[in-house]
């Protein structure tokens, strides 16, 4: 819920725009938002951990808004 409050502020909207503006020319191949699901396809990505670096040609990141839309429960 706090995430939604943040995203609905000018700071939240501008932060997302800054990130997308940085990713688009360098790594972001495609992105889309459909049915409350974000999908990003990135090129030439580096994943870093403390002592390890993994480079991949393409990575796909899928993220949802966290709402459970697949089940129908009653109380």
PDB file of N, CA and C in Angstrom:
ATOM      1  N   UNK A   1       0.819  -1.184   0.000  1.00  0.00           N
ATOM      2  CA  UNK A   1       0.000   0.000   0.000  1.00  0.00           C
ATOM      3  C   UNK A   1       0.865   1.252   0.000  1.00  0.00           C
ATOM      4  N   UNK A   2       1.945   1.255   0.758  1.00  0.00           N
ATOM      5  CA  UNK A   2       2.830   2.420   0.774  1.00  0.00           C
ATOM      6  C   UNK A   2       3.441   2.658  -0.601  1.00  0.00           C
ATOM      7  N   UNK A   3       3.686   1.572  -1.338  1.00  0.00           N
ATOM      8  CA  UNK A   3       4.230   1.705  -2.688  1.00  0.00           C
ATOM      9  C   UNK A   3       3.264   2.488  -3.572  1.00  0.00           C
ATOM     10  N   UNK A   4       1.978   2.188  -3.480  1.00  0.00           N
ATOM     11  CA  UNK A   4       0.993   2.888  -4.295  1.00  0.00           C
ATOM     12  C   UNK A   4       0.949   4.368  -3.936  1.00  0.00           C
ATOM     13  N   UNK A   5       1.038   4.678  -2.657  1.00  0.00           N
ATOM     14  CA  UNK A   5       1.053   6.080  -2.243  1.00  0.00           C
ATOM     15  C   UNK A   5       2.261   6.794  -2.822  1.00  0.00           C
ATOM     16  N   UNK A   6       3.427   6.132  -2.785  1.00  0.00           N
ATOM     17  CA  UNK A   6       4.647   6.720  -3.335  1.00  0.00           C
ATOM     18  C   UNK A   6       4.523   6.930  -4.838  1.00  0.00           C
ATOM     19  N   UNK A   7       3.992   5.921  -5.546  1.00  0.00           N
ATOM     20  CA  UNK A   7       3.890   6.003  -7.007  1.00  0.00           C
ATOM     21  C   UNK A   7       2.939   7.096  -7.458  1.00  0.00           C
ATOM     22  N   UNK A   8       1.975   7.443  -6.623  1.00  0.00           N
ATOM     23  CA  UNK A   8       1.009   8.471  -6.986  1.00  0.00           C
ATOM     24  C   UNK A   8       1.499   9.878  -6.672  1.00  0.00           C
ATOM     25  N   UNK A   9       2.732  10.019  -6.215  1.00  0.00           N
ATOM     26  CA  UNK A   9       3.298  11.343  -5.951  1.00  0.00           C
ATOM     27  C   UNK A   9       4.130  11.790  -7.148  1.00  0.00           C
ATOM     28  N   UNK A  10       4.412  13.068  -7.202  1.00  0.00           N
ATOM     29  CA  UNK A  10       5.258  13.607  -8.276  1.00  0.00           C
ATOM     30  C   UNK A  10       6.650  12.998  -8.212  1.00  0.00           C
ATOM     31  N   UNK A  11       7.174  12.803  -6.997  1.00  0.00           N
ATOM     32  CA  UNK A  11       8.504  12.201  -6.841  1.00  0.00           C
ATOM     33  C   UNK A  11       8.515  10.772  -7.373  1.00  0.00           C
ATOM     34  N   UNK A  12       7.491   9.988  -7.047  1.00  0.00           N
ATOM     35  CA  UNK A  12       7.418   8.610  -7.529  1.00  0.00           C
ATOM     36  C   UNK A  12       7.329   8.537  -9.034  1.00  0.00           C
ATOM     37  N   UNK A  13       6.511   9.379  -9.639  1.00  0.00           N
ATOM     38  CA  UNK A  13       6.381   9.383 -11.099  1.00  0.00           C
ATOM     39  C   UNK A  13       7.665   9.834 -11.773  1.00  0.00           C
ATOM     40  N   UNK A  14       8.311  10.852 -11.225  1.00  0.00           N
ATOM     41  CA  UNK A  14       9.543  11.329 -11.853  1.00  0.00           C
ATOM     42  C   UNK A  14      10.674  10.319 -11.677  1.00  0.00           C
ATOM     43  N   UNK A  15      10.695   9.598 -10.554  1.00  0.00           N
ATOM     44  CA  UNK A  15      11.736   8.582 -10.344  1.00  0.00           C
ATOM     45  C   UNK A  15      11.630   7.473 -11.378  1.00  0.00           C
ATOM     46  N   UNK A  16      10.407   7.021 -11.639  1.00  0.00           N
ATOM     47  CA  UNK A  16      10.222   5.988 -12.655  1.00  0.00           C
ATOM     48  C   UNK A  16      10.668   6.502 -14.015  1.00  0.00           C
ATOM     49  N   UNK A  17      10.331   7.719 -14.336  1.00  0.00           N
ATOM     50  CA  UNK A  17      10.708   8.293 -15.627  1.00  0.00           C
ATOM     51  C   UNK A  17      12.219   8.396 -15.761  1.00  0.00           C
ATOM     52  N   UNK A  18      12.913   8.779 -14.688  1.00  0.00           N
ATOM     53  CA  UNK A  18      14.376   8.877 -14.721  1.00  0.00           C
ATOM     54  C   UNK A  18      14.993   7.504 -14.976  1.00  0.00           C
ATOM     55  N   UNK A  19      14.496   6.488 -14.295  1.00  0.00           N
ATOM     56  CA  UNK A  19      15.026   5.129 -14.483  1.00  0.00           C
ATOM     57  C   UNK A  19      14.795   4.658 -15.916  1.00  0.00           C
ATOM     58  N   UNK A  20      13.590   4.864 -16.434  1.00  0.00           N
ATOM     59  CA  UNK A  20      13.310   4.436 -17.812  1.00  0.00           C
ATOM     60  C   UNK A  20      14.156   5.204 -18.814  1.00  0.00           C
ATOM     61  N   UNK A  21      14.348   6.503 -18.580  1.00  0.00           N
ATOM     62  CA  UNK A  21      15.183   7.304 -19.491  1.00  0.00           C
ATOM     63  C   UNK A  21      16.627   6.809 -19.503  1.00  0.00           C
ATOM     64  N   UNK A  22      17.123   6.322 -18.363  1.00  0.00           N
ATOM     65  CA  UNK A  22      18.485   5.794 -18.304  1.00  0.00           C
ATOM     66  C   UNK A  22      18.578   4.420 -18.949  1.00  0.00           C
ATOM     67  N   UNK A  23      17.556   3.599 -18.797  1.00  0.00           N
ATOM     68  CA  UNK A  23      17.591   2.240 -19.325  1.00  0.00           C
ATOM     69  C   UNK A  23      17.346   2.181 -20.828  1.00  0.00           C
ATOM     70  N   UNK A  24      16.483   3.042 -21.336  1.00  0.00           N
ATOM     71  CA  UNK A  24      16.077   2.947 -22.738  1.00  0.00           C
ATOM     72  C   UNK A  24      17.258   2.998 -23.696  1.00  0.00           C
ATOM     73  N   UNK A  25      18.163   3.980 -23.586  1.00  0.00           N
ATOM     74  CA  UNK A  25      19.245   3.999 -24.581  1.00  0.00           C
ATOM     75  C   UNK A  25      20.319   2.944 -24.336  1.00  0.00           C
ATOM     76  N   UNK A  26      20.423   2.403 -23.123  1.00  0.00           N
ATOM     77  CA  UNK A  26      21.541   1.519 -22.844  1.00  0.00           C
ATOM     78  C   UNK A  26      21.171   0.035 -22.823  1.00  0.00           C
ATOM     79  N   UNK A  27      20.190  -0.365 -22.033  1.00  0.00           N
ATOM     80  CA  UNK A  27      19.935  -1.789 -21.839  1.00  0.00           C
ATOM     81  C   UNK A  27      18.536  -2.250 -22.230  1.00  0.00           C
ATOM     82  N   UNK A  28      17.560  -1.382 -22.138  1.00  0.00           N
ATOM     83  CA  UNK A  28      16.174  -1.795 -22.312  1.00  0.00           C
ATOM     84  C   UNK A  28      15.846  -2.037 -23.774  1.00  0.00           C
ATOM     85  N   UNK A  29      15.448  -3.267 -24.073  1.00  0.00           N
ATOM     86  CA  UNK A  29      15.044  -3.628 -25.426  1.00  0.00           C
ATOM     87  C   UNK A  29      13.558  -3.329 -25.595  1.00  0.00           C
ATOM     88  N   UNK A  30      12.718  -3.907 -24.737  1.00  0.00           N
ATOM     89  CA  UNK A  30      11.278  -3.652 -24.774  1.00  0.00           C
ATOM     90  C   UNK A  30      10.720  -3.653 -23.362  1.00  0.00           C
ATOM     91  N   UNK A  31       9.589  -2.961 -23.190  1.00  0.00           N
ATOM     92  CA  UNK A  31       8.837  -3.064 -21.948  1.00  0.00           C
ATOM     93  C   UNK A  31       7.369  -2.884 -22.263  1.00  0.00           C
ATOM     94  N   UNK A  32       6.533  -3.470 -21.393  1.00  0.00           N
ATOM     95  CA  UNK A  32       5.098  -3.316 -21.571  1.00  0.00           C
ATOM     96  C   UNK A  32       4.395  -3.526 -20.237  1.00  0.00           C
ATOM     97  N   UNK A  33       3.179  -3.010 -20.149  1.00  0.00           N
ATOM     98  CA  UNK A  33       2.329  -3.164 -18.982  1.00  0.00           C
ATOM     99  C   UNK A  33       0.973  -3.644 -19.463  1.00  0.00           C
ATOM    100  N   UNK A  34       0.596  -4.843 -19.056  1.00  0.00           N
ATOM    101  CA  UNK A  34      -0.667  -5.423 -19.491  1.00  0.00           C
ATOM    102  C   UNK A  34      -1.224  -6.280 -18.362  1.00  0.00           C
ATOM    103  N   UNK A  35      -2.491  -6.089 -18.038  1.00  0.00           N
ATOM    104  CA  UNK A  35      -3.164  -6.882 -16.997  1.00  0.00           C
ATOM    105  C   UNK A  35      -2.408  -6.836 -15.668  1.00  0.00           C
ATOM    106  N   UNK A  36      -2.005  -5.646 -15.252  1.00  0.00           N
ATOM    107  CA  UNK A  36      -1.267  -5.430 -13.993  1.00  0.00           C
ATOM    108  C   UNK A  36       0.058  -6.188 -13.941  1.00  0.00           C
ATOM    109  N   UNK A  37       0.668  -6.383 -15.088  1.00  0.00           N
ATOM    110  CA  UNK A  37       1.928  -7.112 -15.173  1.00  0.00           C
ATOM    111  C   UNK A  37       2.922  -6.330 -16.020  1.00  0.00           C
ATOM    112  N   UNK A  38       4.051  -5.976 -15.431  1.00  0.00           N
ATOM    113  CA  UNK A  38       5.137  -5.324 -16.166  1.00  0.00           C
ATOM    114  C   UNK A  38       6.065  -6.398 -16.711  1.00  0.00           C
ATOM    115  N   UNK A  39       6.506  -6.226 -17.959  1.00  0.00           N
ATOM    116  CA  UNK A  39       7.505  -7.112 -18.560  1.00  0.00           C
ATOM    117  C   UNK A  39       8.593  -6.247 -19.181  1.00  0.00           C
ATOM    118  N   UNK A  40       9.845  -6.498 -18.773  1.00  0.00           N
ATOM    119  CA  UNK A  40      10.998  -5.789 -19.302  1.00  0.00           C
ATOM    120  C   UNK A  40      11.938  -6.806 -19.934  1.00  0.00           C
ATOM    121  N   UNK A  41      12.446  -6.509 -21.129  1.00  0.00           N
ATOM    122  CA  UNK A  41      13.471  -7.335 -21.763  1.00  0.00           C
ATOM    123  C   UNK A  41      14.716  -6.460 -21.899  1.00  0.00           C
ATOM    124  N   UNK A  42      15.805  -6.900 -21.277  1.00  0.00           N
ATOM    125  CA  UNK A  42      17.045  -6.132 -21.233  1.00  0.00           C
ATOM    126  C   UNK A  42      18.131  -6.844 -22.019  1.00  0.00           C
ATOM    127  N   UNK A  43      19.011  -6.077 -22.647  1.00  0.00           N
ATOM    128  CA  UNK A  43      20.152  -6.619 -23.385  1.00  0.00           C
ATOM    129  C   UNK A  43      21.448  -6.303 -22.659  1.00  0.00           C
ATOM    130  N   UNK A  44      22.419  -7.207 -22.781  1.00  0.00           N
ATOM    131  CA  UNK A  44      23.768  -7.024 -22.218  1.00  0.00           C
ATOM    132  C   UNK A  44      23.709  -6.614 -20.746  1.00  0.00           C
ATOM    133  N   UNK A  45      23.182  -7.503 -19.918  1.00  0.00           N
ATOM    134  CA  UNK A  45      22.937  -7.219 -18.508  1.00  0.00           C
ATOM    135  C   UNK A  45      24.033  -7.822 -17.646  1.00  0.00           C
ATOM    136  N   UNK A  46      24.377  -7.120 -16.574  1.00  0.00           N
ATOM    137  CA  UNK A  46      25.324  -7.623 -15.572  1.00  0.00           C
ATOM    138  C   UNK A  46      24.603  -7.749 -14.238  1.00  0.00           C
ATOM    139  N   UNK A  47      24.680  -8.952 -13.653  1.00  0.00           N
ATOM    140  CA  UNK A  47      24.170  -9.180 -12.310  1.00  0.00           C
ATOM    141  C   UNK A  47      25.368  -9.286 -11.388  1.00  0.00           C
ATOM    142  N   UNK A  48      25.371  -8.503 -10.328  1.00  0.00           N
ATOM    143  CA  UNK A  48      26.510  -8.485  -9.424  1.00  0.00           C
ATOM    144  C   UNK A  48      26.113  -8.929  -8.030  1.00  0.00           C
ATOM    145  N   UNK A  49      26.963  -9.750  -7.462  1.00  0.00           N
ATOM    146  CA  UNK A  49      26.852 -10.105  -6.067  1.00  0.00           C
ATOM    147  C   UNK A  49      28.181  -9.717  -5.436  1.00  0.00           C
ATOM    148  N   UNK A  50      28.350  -9.971  -4.180  1.00  0.00           N
ATOM    149  CA  UNK A  50      29.536  -9.488  -3.484  1.00  0.00           C
ATOM    150  C   UNK A  50      30.818  -9.901  -4.197  1.00  0.00           C
ATOM    151  N   UNK A  51      30.961 -11.166  -4.524  1.00  0.00           N
ATOM    152  CA  UNK A  51      32.207 -11.639  -5.141  1.00  0.00           C
ATOM    153  C   UNK A  51      32.012 -12.189  -6.541  1.00  0.00           C
ATOM    154  N   UNK A  52      30.844 -12.039  -7.103  1.00  0.00           N
ATOM    155  CA  UNK A  52      30.549 -12.677  -8.380  1.00  0.00           C
ATOM    156  C   UNK A  52      29.902 -11.682  -9.352  1.00  0.00           C
ATOM    157  N   UNK A  53      30.260 -11.813 -10.615  1.00  0.00           N
ATOM    158  CA  UNK A  53      29.684 -11.008 -11.682  1.00  0.00           C
ATOM    159  C   UNK A  53      29.227 -11.948 -12.789  1.00  0.00           C
ATOM    160  N   UNK A  54      27.957 -11.847 -13.161  1.00  0.00           N
ATOM    161  CA  UNK A  54      27.402 -12.680 -14.223  1.00  0.00           C
ATOM    162  C   UNK A  54      26.911 -11.760 -15.327  1.00  0.00           C
ATOM    163  N   UNK A  55      27.375 -12.005 -16.547  1.00  0.00           N
ATOM    164  CA  UNK A  55      26.944 -11.232 -17.707  1.00  0.00           C
ATOM    165  C   UNK A  55      26.088 -12.116 -18.595  1.00  0.00           C
ATOM    166  N   UNK A  56      24.951 -11.571 -19.033  1.00  0.00           N
ATOM    167  CA  UNK A  56      24.064 -12.308 -19.934  1.00  0.00           C
ATOM    168  C   UNK A  56      23.704 -11.418 -21.118  1.00  0.00           C
ATOM    169  N   UNK A  57      23.433 -12.054 -22.251  1.00  0.00           N
ATOM    170  CA  UNK A  57      23.064 -11.307 -23.451  1.00  0.00           C
ATOM    171  C   UNK A  57      21.661 -10.713 -23.343  1.00  0.00           C
ATOM    172  N   UNK A  58      20.745 -11.465 -22.700  1.00  0.00           N
ATOM    173  CA  UNK A  58      19.364 -10.997 -22.594  1.00  0.00           C
ATOM    174  C   UNK A  58      18.754 -11.478 -21.287  1.00  0.00           C
ATOM    175  N   UNK A  59      17.987 -10.600 -20.642  1.00  0.00           N
ATOM    176  CA  UNK A  59      17.282 -10.954 -19.411  1.00  0.00           C
ATOM    177  C   UNK A  59      15.851 -10.452 -19.508  1.00  0.00           C
ATOM    178  N   UNK A  60      14.931 -11.247 -18.995  1.00  0.00           N
ATOM    179  CA  UNK A  60      13.520 -10.867 -18.986  1.00  0.00           C
ATOM    180  C   UNK A  60      13.077 -10.753 -17.529  1.00  0.00           C
ATOM    181  N   UNK A  61      12.530  -9.604 -17.182  1.00  0.00           N
ATOM    182  CA  UNK A  61      12.057  -9.354 -15.828  1.00  0.00           C
ATOM    183  C   UNK A  61      10.549  -9.162 -15.891  1.00  0.00           C
ATOM    184  N   UNK A  62       9.834  -9.924 -15.072  1.00  0.00           N
ATOM    185  CA  UNK A  62       8.381  -9.835 -15.019  1.00  0.00           C
ATOM    186  C   UNK A  62       7.999  -9.478 -13.594  1.00  0.00           C
ATOM    187  N   UNK A  63       7.122  -8.477 -13.450  1.00  0.00           N
ATOM    188  CA  UNK A  63       6.742  -7.989 -12.133  1.00  0.00           C
ATOM    189  C   UNK A  63       5.245  -7.712 -12.112  1.00  0.00           C
ATOM    190  N   UNK A  64       4.599  -8.079 -11.012  1.00  0.00           N
ATOM    191  CA  UNK A  64       3.168  -7.812 -10.880  1.00  0.00           C
ATOM    192  C   UNK A  64       2.940  -6.778  -9.787  1.00  0.00           C
ATOM    193  N   UNK A  65       1.714  -6.302  -9.701  1.00  0.00           N
ATOM    194  CA  UNK A  65       1.399  -5.301  -8.699  1.00  0.00           C
ATOM    195  C   UNK A  65       1.157  -5.905  -7.325  1.00  0.00           C
ATOM    196  N   UNK A  66       1.206  -7.221  -7.191  1.00  0.00           N
ATOM    197  CA  UNK A  66       1.071  -7.886  -5.904  1.00  0.00           C
ATOM    198  C   UNK A  66      -0.348  -8.245  -5.532  1.00  0.00           C
ATOM    199  N   UNK A  67      -1.304  -7.864  -6.319  1.00  0.00           N
ATOM    200  CA  UNK A  67      -2.692  -8.219  -6.030  1.00  0.00           C
ATOM    201  C   UNK A  67      -2.944  -9.640  -6.497  1.00  0.00           C
ATOM    202  N   UNK A  68      -3.696 -10.370  -5.717  1.00  0.00           N
ATOM    203  CA  UNK A  68      -4.036 -11.735  -6.089  1.00  0.00           C
ATOM    204  C   UNK A  68      -5.303 -11.695  -6.923  1.00  0.00           C
ATOM    205  N   UNK A  69      -5.164 -11.678  -8.226  1.00  0.00           N
ATOM    206  CA  UNK A  69      -6.314 -11.595  -9.115  1.00  0.00           C
ATOM    207  C   UNK A  69      -6.750 -12.944  -9.635  1.00  0.00           C
ATOM    208  N   UNK A  70      -5.999 -13.984  -9.315  1.00  0.00           N
ATOM    209  CA  UNK A  70      -6.308 -15.299  -9.866  1.00  0.00           C
ATOM    210  C   UNK A  70      -7.276 -16.118  -9.035  1.00  0.00           C
ATOM    211  N   UNK A  71      -7.540 -15.753  -7.789  1.00  0.00           N
ATOM    212  CA  UNK A  71      -8.423 -16.574  -6.961  1.00  0.00           C
ATOM    213  C   UNK A  71      -9.677 -15.794  -6.602  1.00  0.00           C
ATOM    214  N   UNK A  72     -10.704 -16.536  -6.341  1.00  0.00           N
ATOM    215  CA  UNK A  72     -11.986 -15.939  -5.986  1.00  0.00           C
ATOM    216  C   UNK A  72     -12.385 -16.508  -4.629  1.00  0.00           C
ATOM    217  N   UNK A  73     -12.156 -15.752  -3.542  1.00  0.00           N
ATOM    218  CA  UNK A  73     -12.422 -16.277  -2.201  1.00  0.00           C
ATOM    219  C   UNK A  73     -13.624 -15.591  -1.600  1.00  0.00           C
ATOM    220  N   UNK A  74     -14.312 -16.318  -0.738  1.00  0.00           N
ATOM    221  CA  UNK A  74     -15.449 -15.760   0.001  1.00  0.00           C
ATOM    222  C   UNK A  74     -15.241 -16.018   1.474  1.00  0.00           C
ATOM    223  N   UNK A  75     -15.827 -15.168   2.281  1.00  0.00           N
ATOM    224  CA  UNK A  75     -15.693 -15.339   3.741  1.00  0.00           C
ATOM    225  C   UNK A  75     -16.985 -15.794   4.341  1.00  0.00           C
TER     226      UNK A  75
END
